[in-house]
C-alpha atoms as a PDB file:
ATOM      1  CA  MET A   1       1.640  -0.086   5.066  1.00  0.00           C
ATOM      2  CA  TRP A   2       3.336   2.687   7.723  1.00  0.00           C
ATOM      3  CA  LEU A   3       6.671   1.489   6.723  1.00  0.00           C
ATOM      4  CA  TYR A   4       6.176   2.135   2.800  1.00  0.00           C
ATOM      5  CA  SER A   5       4.541   5.475   3.471  1.00  0.00           C
ATOM      6  CA  LEU A   6       7.255   6.566   5.414  1.00  0.00           C
ATOM      7  CA  LEU A   7       9.509   5.490   3.203  1.00  0.00           C
ATOM      8  CA  ARG A   8       7.972   7.718   0.530  1.00  0.00           C
ATOM      9  CA  ILE A   9       7.854  10.692   2.518  1.00  0.00           C
ATOM     10  CA  VAL A  10      11.463  10.475   3.686  1.00  0.00           C
ATOM     11  CA  LEU A  11      12.404  10.415  -0.245  1.00  0.00           C
ATOM     12  CA  PHE A  12      10.365  13.334  -0.933  1.00  0.00           C
ATOM     13  CA  LEU A  13      11.815  15.686   2.088  1.00  0.00           C
ATOM     14  CA  ALA A  14      15.513  14.208   0.891  1.00  0.00           C
ATOM     15  CA  LEU A  15      14.827  15.148  -2.465  1.00  0.00           C
ATOM     16  CA  TRP A  16      13.220  18.362  -1.445  1.00  0.00           C
ATOM     17  CA  GLY A  17      16.039  19.281   0.771  1.00  0.00           C
ATOM     18  CA  ILE A  18      18.583  18.672  -2.253  1.00  0.00           C
ATOM     19  CA  VAL A  19      16.720  20.973  -4.496  1.00  0.00           C
ATOM     20  CA  VAL A  20      16.437  23.663  -2.377  1.00  0.00           C
ATOM     21  CA  ALA A  21      19.792  23.207  -1.031  1.00  0.00           C
ATOM     22  CA  ALA A  22      20.574  23.317  -4.928  1.00  0.00           C
ATOM     23  CA  GLY A  23      19.032  27.171  -4.824  1.00  0.00           C
ATOM     24  CA  LEU A  24      15.202  26.615  -5.903  1.00  0.00           C
ATOM     25  CA  HIS A  25      12.755  28.366  -4.322  1.00  0.00           C
ATOM     26  CA  ALA A  26      10.801  26.212  -1.599  1.00  0.00           C
ATOM     27  CA  PHE A  27       7.604  25.728  -3.298  1.00  0.00           C
ATOM     28  CA  PHE A  28       8.998  25.090  -6.772  1.00  0.00           C
ATOM     29  CA  GLY A  29      11.406  22.942  -5.174  1.00  0.00           C
ATOM     30  CA  ALA A  30       8.614  21.064  -3.622  1.00  0.00           C
ATOM     31  CA  VAL A  31       7.432  20.291  -6.981  1.00  0.00           C
ATOM     32  CA  VAL A  32      10.389  19.423  -8.469  1.00  0.00           C
ATOM     33  CA  ALA A  33      10.945  16.802  -5.376  1.00  0.00           C
ATOM     34  CA  ALA A  34       7.144  15.721  -5.644  1.00  0.00           C
ATOM     35  CA  VAL A  35       7.721  15.018  -9.499  1.00  0.00           C
ATOM     36  CA  LEU A  36      10.950  13.405  -9.138  1.00  0.00           C
ATOM     37  CA  SER A  37       9.987  11.084  -6.297  1.00  0.00           C
ATOM     38  CA  VAL A  38       7.492   9.213  -7.886  1.00  0.00           C
ATOM     39  CA  PRO A  39       9.738   7.210 -10.263  1.00  0.00           C
ATOM     40  CA  LEU A  40      12.466   7.424  -7.834  1.00  0.00           C
ATOM     41  CA  SER A  41      10.032   5.600  -5.331  1.00  0.00           C
ATOM     42  CA  TRP A  42       8.914   3.131  -8.381  1.00  0.00           C
ATOM     43  CA  VAL A  43      12.573   1.882  -8.177  1.00  0.00           C
ATOM     44  CA  LEU A  44      13.837   2.436  -5.006  1.00  0.00           C
ATOM     45  CA  LEU A  45      10.864   1.145  -3.100  1.00  0.00           C
ATOM     46  CA  ALA A  46      10.159  -1.952  -5.281  1.00  0.00           C
ATOM     47  CA  ALA A  47      10.555  -4.155  -2.538  1.00  0.00           C
ATOM     48  CA  PRO A  48       8.515  -2.466   0.035  1.00  0.00           C
ATOM     49  CA  ARG A  49       5.950  -1.701  -2.405  1.00  0.00           C
ATOM     50  CA  ALA A  50       5.733  -5.388  -3.213  1.00  0.00           C
ATOM     51  CA  LYS A  51       5.754  -6.620   0.677  1.00  0.00           C
ATOM     52  CA  LEU A  52       2.942  -4.322   0.939  1.00  0.00           C
ATOM     53  CA  ALA A  53       0.756  -5.663  -1.950  1.00  0.00           C
ATOM     54  CA  ARG A  54       1.528  -9.254  -0.761  1.00  0.00           C
ATOM     55  CA  ASN A  55       0.070  -8.235   2.433  1.00  0.00           C
ATOM     56  CA  ILE A  56      -2.735  -6.835   1.283  1.00  0.00           C
ATOM     57  CA  GLU A  57      -3.663  -9.586  -1.038  1.00  0.00           C
ATOM     58  CA  ALA A  58      -3.393 -11.849   2.080  1.00  0.00           C
ATOM     59  CA  ARG A  59      -5.758  -9.878   4.102  1.00  0.00           C
ATOM     60  CA  MET A  60      -8.285  -9.836   1.094  1.00  0.00           C
ATOM     61  CA  ALA A  61      -7.678 -13.402   0.656  1.00  0.00           C
ATOM     62  CA  ALA A  62      -8.515 -14.169   4.349  1.00  0.00           C
ATOM     63  CA  HIS A  63     -11.411 -11.964   4.221  1.00  0.00           C
ATOM     64  CA  ARG A  64     -13.023 -13.595   0.973  1.00  0.00           C
ATOM     65  CA  ASP A  65     -12.606 -17.198   2.768  1.00  0.00           C
ATOM     66  CA  GLU A  66     -14.262 -15.470   6.099  1.00  0.00           C
ATOM     67  CA  ARG A  67     -16.757 -14.226   3.809  1.00  0.00           C
ATOM     68  CA  ALA A  68     -17.833 -17.244   1.942  1.00  0.00           C
ATOM     69  CA  ALA A  69     -17.597 -19.665   5.169  1.00  0.00           C
ATOM     70  CA  LEU A  70     -20.032 -17.134   6.682  1.00  0.00           C
ATOM     71  CA  ASP A  71     -22.551 -17.081   3.384  1.00  0.00           C
ATOM     72  CA  ALA A  72     -22.407 -20.920   3.218  1.00  0.00           C
ATOM     73  CA  GLU A  73     -23.478 -21.033   7.085  1.00  0.00           C
ATOM     74  CA  LEU A  74     -26.019 -18.561   6.294  1.00  0.00           C
ATOM     75  CA  SER A  75     -27.402 -20.086   3.494  1.00  0.00           C
ATOM     76  CA  GLY A  76     -27.853 -23.502   5.755  1.00  0.00           C
ATOM     77  CA  GLU A  77     -25.093 -25.526   3.195  1.00  0.00           C
ATOM     78  CA  ASP A  78     -23.649 -27.092   6.228  1.00  0.00           C
ATOM     79  CA  GLU A  79     -26.788 -28.191   7.529  1.00  0.00           C
ATOM     80  CA  PRO A  80     -27.482 -32.261   7.382  1.00  0.00           C
ATOM     81  CA  ASP A  81     -29.984 -33.452   4.633  1.00  0.00           C
ATOM     82  CA  ASN A  82     -32.129 -35.310   7.078  1.00  0.00           C
ATOM     83  CA  PRO A  83     -34.432 -32.785   9.151  1.00  0.00           C
ATOM     84  CA  ASN A  84     -36.750 -34.275  11.632  1.00  0.00           C
END
């Protein structure tokens, strides 16, 4: 997650620097860079974003499995059928 966030920030800062170097005011340049960074990050950062999504999905699946195991344990489904 940190890598993807860092890449988004670097992309924004690079665009901001280019826009300011082209002669736009710093604030207006930041707005233009923010607007440009959204579609560019969608295209240029597709692989890191997909890796981040896979990582999050794997963590969520592991959490669901742990939760299901804990729910089964607490409900007594793992206990034998013959109580003494």
